[in-house]
């Protein structure tokens, strides 16, 4: 059996053309990081300051110069120079402390650091000096006048029939306290409307005359108290022929208190925002109604502070009371009935006597007067504080409608906004 070979069709020769590969994007190059050139001679970087609690290094830098300057001041004042005494030591300590602080700050930082540390030291030293002076004065007066204050009769009796050498179980300052309160009340009754009225005139009216009044008020602020006493003595006692009394002393105190209250009230009324005045006037209120119902209520804490500051100035005046009132050893409650004593005048007359018991009584009265003035200043500070709003306990106001749940197992109604409204039947207009 024979096999036939398979025939393959003829193939046509093809020419292959070279193909160009597709263009491929080059790989992205990473960003180049440039390192700063390090200078070997550059100063070290200043470390960051922490806004919280200072680190031990900062505390050492802050208090170390003062400790070292204290030792240096002791060496200079007690060993090298004849400057013995606490005052010389404190002055030398402060000056040397400033120098050492400046040198230490220059070693750790630049010129800004030096100015910062020195300025902070000067301000802190000034505040400490004022605080130490105040505390030492109050403490000395209270310690010196403590023995008379331990006797109850010192606050309830007067000095009628009591001599300067008598013991502390006899006599007291009740007549001086009552006299000071009466004279202060007379002064407040005069200066309260006049001072606040003058401030309202200078602030709300304005004009050339208001500027003249402001200049006079500022000049009267530095008026010596003896001049006010001589003015009242000449006009009220000599020209009008009135006797020395608590009323005359109250007038002299009013002359001293008036510029203080007017000036302080003027400053307070200027702080009231002008938008409140404009809003009141835009609603149709008159100028004086705006002042009475808008300006004065807004400035009420500041006005109370002004009145109390003026009262603290007037309650401690001595020379006008000495000229216009005179001294009385017994209790006087009638302001026009004759001489009336006061706490400053009681202190002056007892110190003038020169006796040890009388001087101690004077320090006891000074303690009472000092406590009274400090209380007035504390009240002024409390009244000057803005009122605080209580956030707790207030009901929250929600603009969303309340959705009441079912009662006693009844099905809940749909929301009121989803319920159809009852529409009246349309009537044919014909």
Protein backbone atom coordinates (compact mmCIF):
# COMPACT_ATOMS: atom_id res chain seq x y z
CA UNK A 1 0.00 0.00 0.00
CA UNK A 2 1.42 3.19 -1.16
CA UNK A 3 1.05 6.60 0.67
CA UNK A 4 0.79 9.90 -1.09
CA UNK A 5 2.71 12.78 0.34
CA UNK A 6 0.73 15.76 1.69
CA UNK A 7 0.96 18.86 -0.35
CA UNK A 8 1.56 22.13 1.49
CA UNK A 9 0.46 25.37 -0.08
CA UNK A 10 3.18 27.66 -1.18
CA UNK A 11 4.09 30.33 1.34
CA UNK A 12 4.59 33.87 0.34
CA UNK A 13 7.72 35.36 1.76
CA UNK A 14 6.96 38.27 4.16
CA UNK A 15 9.28 41.02 5.14
CA UNK A 16 9.38 41.97 8.83
CA UNK A 17 9.65 45.64 9.67
CA UNK A 18 11.32 46.65 12.91
CA UNK A 19 8.82 48.00 15.50
CA UNK A 20 9.62 50.98 17.70
CA UNK A 21 8.96 50.33 21.42
CA UNK A 22 6.39 52.60 23.15
CA UNK A 23 7.73 55.64 25.01
CA UNK A 24 8.04 54.93 28.78
CA UNK A 25 7.93 57.79 31.38
CA UNK A 26 11.14 58.06 33.29
CA UNK A 27 11.00 57.25 37.04
CA UNK A 28 10.41 60.35 39.26
CA UNK A 29 13.50 61.58 41.01
CA UNK A 30 13.24 61.90 44.81
CA UNK A 31 13.39 65.43 46.29
CA UNK A 32 16.80 66.61 47.20
CA UNK A 33 17.42 67.50 50.84
CA UNK A 34 19.85 70.33 51.42
CA UNK A 35 21.53 70.28 54.81
CA UNK A 36 22.48 73.68 56.25
CA UNK A 37 26.12 74.44 56.51
CA UNK A 38 27.26 74.06 60.10
CA UNK A 39 29.51 76.83 61.30
CA UNK A 40 31.87 75.78 64.02
CA UNK A 41 32.15 79.35 65.30
CA UNK A 42 28.37 79.93 65.58
CA UNK A 43 26.93 80.36 69.10
CA UNK A 44 24.92 77.47 70.50
CA UNK A 45 21.16 77.63 69.90
CA UNK A 46 19.07 79.23 72.61
CA UNK A 47 16.97 76.58 74.37
CA UNK A 48 13.23 76.97 74.25
CA UNK A 49 11.46 78.28 77.30
CA UNK A 50 8.69 76.25 78.80
CA UNK A 51 5.44 78.11 79.38
CA UNK A 52 4.57 75.86 82.28
CA UNK A 53 6.48 75.23 85.45
CA UNK A 54 10.14 76.37 85.23
CA UNK A 55 12.76 73.68 85.08
CA UNK A 56 15.41 73.26 87.80
CA UNK A 57 17.99 74.92 85.55
CA UNK A 58 15.74 77.95 85.07
CA UNK A 59 15.08 78.18 88.80
CA UNK A 60 18.80 78.01 89.51
CA UNK A 61 19.46 80.70 86.91
CA UNK A 62 16.74 82.87 88.41
CA UNK A 63 17.50 82.55 92.13
CA UNK A 64 21.20 81.76 92.06
CA UNK A 65 22.34 85.34 91.35
CA UNK A 66 20.30 86.68 94.27
CA UNK A 67 21.69 84.13 96.71
CA UNK A 68 25.25 84.87 95.67
CA UNK A 69 24.63 88.63 95.74
CA UNK A 70 23.27 88.32 99.30
CA UNK A 71 26.54 86.75 100.42
CA UNK A 72 28.49 89.39 98.50
CA UNK A 73 26.41 92.20 100.04
CA UNK A 74 27.06 90.84 103.54
CA UNK A 75 30.79 90.73 102.81
CA UNK A 76 30.83 94.30 101.49
CA UNK A 77 28.62 95.96 104.12
CA UNK A 78 29.67 94.03 107.22
CA UNK A 79 33.33 93.25 106.61
CA UNK A 80 34.88 95.58 104.04
CA UNK A 81 33.00 98.89 104.39
CA UNK A 82 31.63 100.64 107.49
CA UNK A 83 28.02 100.34 106.31
CA UNK A 84 26.45 98.39 109.14
CA UNK A 85 22.67 98.23 109.24
CA UNK A 86 19.78 96.47 107.59
CA UNK A 87 19.06 99.36 105.20
CA UNK A 88 22.58 99.36 103.73
CA UNK A 89 22.51 95.59 103.41
CA UNK A 90 19.18 95.60 101.53
CA UNK A 91 20.27 98.39 99.16
CA UNK A 92 23.61 96.70 98.45
CA UNK A 93 21.91 93.36 97.97
CA UNK A 94 19.48 94.79 95.42
CA UNK A 95 22.15 96.62 93.42
CA UNK A 96 24.57 93.70 93.42
CA UNK A 97 21.71 91.37 92.54
CA UNK A 98 20.95 93.43 89.44
CA UNK A 99 24.59 93.29 88.37
CA UNK A 100 24.94 89.54 88.92
CA UNK A 101 21.60 88.91 87.20
CA UNK A 102 22.70 90.91 84.16
CA UNK A 103 26.02 89.05 83.95
CA UNK A 104 24.33 85.66 84.28
CA UNK A 105 21.74 86.54 81.63
CA UNK A 106 24.49 87.72 79.27
CA UNK A 107 26.28 84.38 79.66
CA UNK A 108 23.17 82.33 78.84
CA UNK A 109 21.50 84.59 76.26
CA UNK A 110 21.76 87.82 74.37
CA UNK A 111 21.00 91.46 75.07
CA UNK A 112 17.25 90.80 75.04
CA UNK A 113 17.68 88.26 77.85
CA UNK A 114 19.64 90.81 79.89
CA UNK A 115 16.98 93.49 79.51
CA UNK A 116 14.22 91.02 80.31
CA UNK A 117 15.84 89.76 83.52
CA UNK A 118 16.87 93.22 84.76
CA UNK A 119 13.44 94.75 84.06
CA UNK A 120 11.70 91.87 85.82
CA UNK A 121 14.00 92.27 88.82
CA UNK A 122 13.37 96.02 89.04
CA UNK A 123 9.58 95.64 88.82
CA UNK A 124 9.56 92.81 91.35
CA UNK A 125 11.77 94.78 93.72
CA UNK A 126 9.50 97.81 93.52
CA UNK A 127 6.40 95.73 94.23
CA UNK A 128 8.10 94.02 97.18
CA UNK A 129 9.22 97.40 98.57
CA UNK A 130 5.67 98.76 98.48
CA UNK A 131 4.27 95.58 100.00
CA UNK A 132 6.86 95.49 102.79
CA UNK A 133 6.27 99.17 103.59
CA UNK A 134 2.51 98.66 103.80
CA UNK A 135 2.71 95.48 105.87
CA UNK A 136 5.30 96.93 108.23
CA UNK A 137 3.25 100.09 108.79
CA UNK A 138 0.05 98.20 109.49
CA UNK A 139 1.83 95.68 111.69
CA UNK A 140 3.66 98.33 113.72
CA UNK A 141 0.49 100.34 114.35
CA UNK A 142 -1.51 97.26 115.34
CA UNK A 143 1.20 95.93 117.66
CA UNK A 144 1.70 99.28 119.34
CA UNK A 145 -2.03 99.84 119.84
CA UNK A 146 -2.92 96.26 120.78
CA UNK A 147 -2.89 96.80 124.55
CA UNK A 148 -5.65 99.46 124.60
CA UNK A 149 -7.72 97.39 122.16
CA UNK A 150 -7.84 94.49 124.60
CA UNK A 151 -10.10 96.56 126.90
CA UNK A 152 -13.76 96.64 125.85
CA UNK A 153 -14.30 100.11 127.34
CA UNK A 154 -11.85 101.51 124.78
CA UNK A 155 -14.53 101.13 122.11
CA UNK A 156 -17.60 101.97 124.22
CA UNK A 157 -16.60 104.89 126.51
CA UNK A 158 -15.51 108.48 125.96
CA UNK A 159 -12.73 110.49 127.61
CA UNK A 160 -14.85 112.63 129.92
CA UNK A 161 -13.11 112.81 133.32
CA UNK A 162 -10.12 110.75 132.13
CA UNK A 163 -6.58 112.11 132.25
CA UNK A 164 -3.66 111.28 129.97
CA UNK A 165 -1.94 109.21 132.71
CA UNK A 166 -4.96 107.07 133.61
CA UNK A 167 -4.98 103.35 132.97
CA UNK A 168 -6.54 101.76 129.93
CA UNK A 169 -9.52 100.46 131.88
CA UNK A 170 -10.87 104.02 131.89
CA UNK A 171 -11.90 106.06 128.88
CA UNK A 172 -12.29 105.20 125.24
CA UNK A 173 -12.77 106.47 121.70
CA UNK A 174 -16.54 106.12 121.30
CA UNK A 175 -16.99 109.91 121.01
CA UNK A 176 -14.26 110.11 118.33
CA UNK A 177 -15.74 107.25 116.29
CA UNK A 178 -19.24 108.76 116.40
CA UNK A 179 -17.88 112.20 115.51
CA UNK A 180 -15.95 110.83 112.52
CA UNK A 181 -19.04 109.02 111.22
CA UNK A 182 -21.24 112.12 111.58
CA UNK A 183 -18.73 114.36 109.83
CA UNK A 184 -18.23 111.80 107.08
CA UNK A 185 -22.00 111.52 106.61
CA UNK A 186 -22.29 115.31 106.23
CA UNK A 187 -19.50 115.30 103.68
CA UNK A 188 -21.09 112.47 101.70
CA UNK A 189 -24.49 114.17 101.71
CA UNK A 190 -22.87 117.19 100.04
CA UNK A 191 -20.34 115.60 97.71
CA UNK A 192 -22.39 112.65 96.46
CA UNK A 193 -24.83 114.68 94.31
CA UNK A 194 -22.33 117.43 93.51
CA UNK A 195 -19.48 115.11 92.56
CA UNK A 196 -21.52 112.77 90.37
CA UNK A 197 -23.44 115.71 88.87
CA UNK A 198 -20.16 117.43 88.00
CA UNK A 199 -18.87 114.24 86.38
CA UNK A 200 -22.08 113.88 84.34
CA UNK A 201 -21.78 117.50 83.20
CA UNK A 202 -18.16 117.08 82.14
CA UNK A 203 -18.84 113.81 80.31
CA UNK A 204 -22.28 114.23 78.75
CA UNK A 205 -22.52 117.98 78.11
CA UNK A 206 -18.97 118.93 77.17
CA UNK A 207 -17.95 122.23 75.67
CA UNK A 208 -15.50 124.92 76.72
CA UNK A 209 -17.06 125.42 80.13
CA UNK A 210 -16.85 121.67 80.79
CA UNK A 211 -13.13 121.75 79.96
CA UNK A 212 -12.70 124.63 82.38
CA UNK A 213 -14.55 122.70 85.09
CA UNK A 214 -12.37 119.63 84.45
CA UNK A 215 -9.23 121.74 84.82
CA UNK A 216 -10.47 123.17 88.13
CA UNK A 217 -11.38 119.71 89.43
CA UNK A 218 -7.95 118.33 88.53
CA UNK A 219 -6.28 121.29 90.24
CA UNK A 220 -8.38 120.85 93.39
CA UNK A 221 -7.30 117.23 93.63
CA UNK A 222 -3.90 118.41 94.89
CA UNK A 223 -5.41 121.04 97.22
CA UNK A 224 -3.74 120.99 100.68
CA UNK A 225 -6.16 120.09 103.43
CA UNK A 226 -5.17 123.07 105.55
CA UNK A 227 -6.33 125.40 102.75
CA UNK A 228 -9.77 123.76 102.76
CA UNK A 229 -9.95 124.16 106.53
CA UNK A 230 -8.99 127.84 106.36
CA UNK A 231 -11.57 128.44 103.63
CA UNK A 232 -14.41 126.97 105.69
CA UNK A 233 -13.15 128.70 108.84
CA UNK A 234 -13.11 132.09 107.10
CA UNK A 235 -16.46 131.77 105.33
CA UNK A 236 -18.56 129.73 107.74
CA UNK A 237 -17.19 130.69 111.14
CA UNK A 238 -15.83 134.24 110.78
CA UNK A 239 -18.06 135.73 108.07
CA UNK A 240 -21.30 133.93 108.98
CA UNK A 241 -20.62 133.94 112.71
CA UNK A 242 -21.27 130.22 113.23
CA UNK A 243 -19.52 128.33 116.07
CA UNK A 244 -17.05 125.53 115.64
CA UNK A 245 -19.03 122.37 115.19
CA UNK A 246 -19.28 119.08 113.41
CA UNK A 247 -21.16 120.78 110.58
CA UNK A 248 -18.19 123.04 109.84
CA UNK A 249 -15.87 120.03 109.93
CA UNK A 250 -18.21 118.18 107.56
CA UNK A 251 -18.08 121.11 105.13
CA UNK A 252 -14.28 121.11 105.22
CA UNK A 253 -14.22 117.37 104.60
CA UNK A 254 -16.67 117.84 101.71
CA UNK A 255 -14.28 120.33 100.09
CA UNK A 256 -11.56 117.68 100.23
CA UNK A 257 -13.78 114.85 99.00
CA UNK A 258 -15.47 116.68 96.12
CA UNK A 259 -12.58 116.72 93.59
CA UNK A 260 -11.71 113.09 94.35
CA UNK A 261 -15.24 111.85 93.70
CA UNK A 262 -15.78 114.09 90.67
CA UNK A 263 -12.51 113.09 89.04
CA UNK A 264 -12.98 109.35 89.64
CA UNK A 265 -16.61 109.46 88.48
CA UNK A 266 -15.58 111.35 85.33
CA UNK A 267 -13.11 108.60 84.44
CA UNK A 268 -15.75 105.93 85.07
CA UNK A 269 -18.41 107.61 82.93
CA UNK A 270 -15.99 107.95 80.04
CA UNK A 271 -15.59 104.18 79.95
CA UNK A 272 -19.31 103.60 79.27
CA UNK A 273 -19.60 102.48 75.62
CA UNK A 274 -21.01 105.08 73.28
CA UNK A 275 -23.12 102.45 71.56
CA UNK A 276 -25.39 102.26 74.60
CA UNK A 277 -26.06 105.99 74.42
CA UNK A 278 -26.67 105.84 70.68
CA UNK A 279 -29.06 102.91 71.03
CA UNK A 280 -31.06 104.70 73.70
CA UNK A 281 -31.25 107.89 71.65
CA UNK A 282 -32.24 105.88 68.57
CA UNK A 283 -35.17 104.40 70.50
CA UNK A 284 -36.47 107.90 71.17
CA UNK A 285 -35.20 108.55 74.71
CA UNK A 286 -34.05 112.02 75.62
CA UNK A 287 -30.48 112.78 76.63
CA UNK A 288 -31.16 113.03 80.36
CA UNK A 289 -33.35 109.95 80.32
CA UNK A 290 -30.47 108.13 78.65
CA UNK A 291 -28.11 109.33 81.36
CA UNK A 292 -30.45 108.32 84.17
CA UNK A 293 -31.55 104.92 82.85
CA UNK A 294 -28.54 103.80 80.77
CA UNK A 295 -25.29 105.56 81.63
CA UNK A 296 -25.54 105.72 85.42
CA UNK A 297 -26.73 102.10 85.91
CA UNK A 298 -23.93 100.88 83.65
CA UNK A 299 -21.30 102.80 85.63
CA UNK A 300 -22.77 101.97 89.06
CA UNK A 301 -19.84 99.82 90.32
CA UNK A 302 -17.30 102.43 89.29
CA UNK A 303 -19.31 105.24 90.85
CA UNK A 304 -19.51 103.31 94.13
CA UNK A 305 -15.73 102.91 94.01
CA UNK A 306 -15.30 106.65 93.45
CA UNK A 307 -17.50 107.47 96.45
CA UNK A 308 -15.64 105.05 98.72
CA UNK A 309 -12.24 106.38 97.64
CA UNK A 310 -13.38 109.91 98.43
CA UNK A 311 -14.69 108.73 101.80
CA UNK A 312 -11.35 107.12 102.62
CA UNK A 313 -9.66 110.43 101.84
CA UNK A 314 -12.04 112.47 103.97
CA UNK A 315 -12.18 110.22 107.03
CA UNK A 316 -8.45 110.64 107.68
CA UNK A 317 -8.22 114.44 107.47
CA UNK A 318 -6.86 116.15 110.59
CA UNK A 319 -6.00 119.78 109.91
CA UNK A 320 -9.41 120.95 108.59
CA UNK A 321 -11.15 119.25 111.53
CA UNK A 322 -8.72 120.83 113.98
CA UNK A 323 -9.47 124.31 112.65
CA UNK A 324 -13.22 124.03 112.14
CA UNK A 325 -14.46 121.60 114.79
CA UNK A 326 -12.28 121.64 117.86
CA UNK A 327 -11.90 118.79 120.34
CA UNK A 328 -14.41 117.51 122.88
CA UNK A 329 -13.75 114.89 125.54
CA UNK A 330 -17.38 113.75 125.72
CA UNK A 331 -19.86 112.25 123.28
CA UNK A 332 -21.56 114.80 120.99
CA UNK A 333 -24.25 113.74 118.53
CA UNK A 334 -25.54 117.18 117.50
CA UNK A 335 -23.51 118.45 114.53
CA UNK A 336 -24.41 122.09 115.29
CA UNK A 337 -24.22 121.86 119.07
CA UNK A 338 -20.56 122.76 119.52
CA UNK A 339 -17.15 121.13 119.35
CA UNK A 340 -17.06 117.55 118.10
CA UNK A 341 -14.11 115.19 118.23
CA UNK A 342 -12.96 112.74 115.55
CA UNK A 343 -10.47 109.92 115.25
CA UNK A 344 -7.66 111.91 113.54
CA UNK A 345 -8.06 114.75 116.02
CA UNK A 346 -8.09 112.31 118.96
CA UNK A 347 -4.83 110.78 117.70
CA UNK A 348 -3.21 114.20 117.32
CA UNK A 349 -4.22 115.46 120.77
CA UNK A 350 -3.03 112.29 122.56
CA UNK A 351 0.32 112.16 120.81
CA UNK A 352 0.82 115.83 121.58
CA UNK A 353 0.43 115.21 125.33
CA UNK A 354 3.63 113.16 125.43
CA UNK A 355 2.44 110.66 128.06
CA UNK A 356 3.06 106.97 127.46
CA UNK A 357 -0.55 105.91 128.13
CA UNK A 358 -1.90 108.69 125.91
CA UNK A 359 0.43 107.70 123.07
CA UNK A 360 -0.71 104.08 123.37
CA UNK A 361 -4.32 105.28 123.20
CA UNK A 362 -3.41 107.23 120.08
CA UNK A 363 -2.00 104.08 118.48
CA UNK A 364 -5.16 102.20 119.44
CA UNK A 365 -7.30 104.85 117.76
CA UNK A 366 -4.95 104.77 114.75
CA UNK A 367 -5.49 101.01 114.53
CA UNK A 368 -9.26 101.50 114.43
CA UNK A 369 -8.93 104.23 111.80
CA UNK A 370 -6.54 102.10 109.74
CA UNK A 371 -8.88 99.13 109.81
CA UNK A 372 -11.77 101.40 108.80
CA UNK A 373 -9.85 102.79 105.81
CA UNK A 374 -8.69 99.33 104.73
CA UNK A 375 -12.26 98.06 104.89
CA UNK A 376 -13.38 100.95 102.69
CA UNK A 377 -10.72 100.08 100.12
CA UNK A 378 -11.67 96.39 100.21
CA UNK A 379 -15.32 97.29 99.63
CA UNK A 380 -14.26 99.53 96.75
CA UNK A 381 -12.34 96.68 95.14
CA UNK A 382 -15.27 94.31 95.54
CA UNK A 383 -17.69 96.79 94.01
CA UNK A 384 -15.33 97.46 91.10
CA UNK A 385 -15.34 93.80 90.06
CA UNK A 386 -17.69 92.96 87.17
CA UNK A 387 -20.69 90.84 88.12
CA UNK A 388 -20.29 87.14 87.44
CA UNK A 389 -22.99 85.26 85.58
CA UNK A 390 -23.93 81.91 87.02
CA UNK A 391 -23.93 79.27 84.31
CA UNK A 392 -25.18 76.49 86.52
CA UNK A 393 -28.80 76.16 87.49
CA UNK A 394 -30.17 78.03 84.49
CA UNK A 395 -32.81 76.30 82.39
CA UNK A 396 -31.69 75.74 78.85
CA UNK A 397 -33.87 77.23 76.18
CA UNK A 398 -34.46 74.90 73.24
CA UNK A 399 -35.89 75.99 69.93
CA UNK A 400 -37.07 72.49 69.07
CA UNK A 401 -40.72 71.59 69.78
CA UNK A 402 -41.16 69.12 72.56
CA UNK A 403 -42.44 65.68 71.63
CA UNK A 404 -44.58 64.25 74.35
CA UNK A 405 -44.73 60.51 74.79
CA UNK A 406 -47.86 58.37 75.31
CA UNK A 407 -49.63 58.45 78.63
CA UNK A 408 -51.16 55.44 80.33
CA UNK A 409 -50.47 53.17 77.38
CA UNK A 410 -52.29 55.39 74.89
CA UNK A 411 -50.81 55.47 71.39
CA UNK A 412 -48.53 58.36 70.73
CA UNK A 413 -49.95 61.05 68.54
CA UNK A 414 -48.19 62.13 65.50
CA UNK A 415 -46.01 65.18 65.55
CA UNK A 416 -48.07 68.39 65.40
CA UNK A 417 -46.29 69.45 62.27
CA UNK A 418 -47.39 66.25 60.46
CA UNK A 419 -51.06 66.43 61.45
CA UNK A 420 -53.40 67.92 58.87
CA UNK A 421 -54.93 71.20 59.78
CA UNK A 422 -58.73 71.43 60.05
CA UNK A 423 -59.72 73.46 57.06
CA UNK A 424 -63.21 74.93 56.89
CA UNK A 425 -65.49 73.72 54.16
CA UNK A 426 -65.33 75.84 51.10
CA UNK A 427 -68.49 77.69 50.49
CA UNK A 428 -69.70 78.66 47.11
CA UNK A 429 -69.54 82.42 46.85
CA UNK A 430 -72.55 82.29 44.65
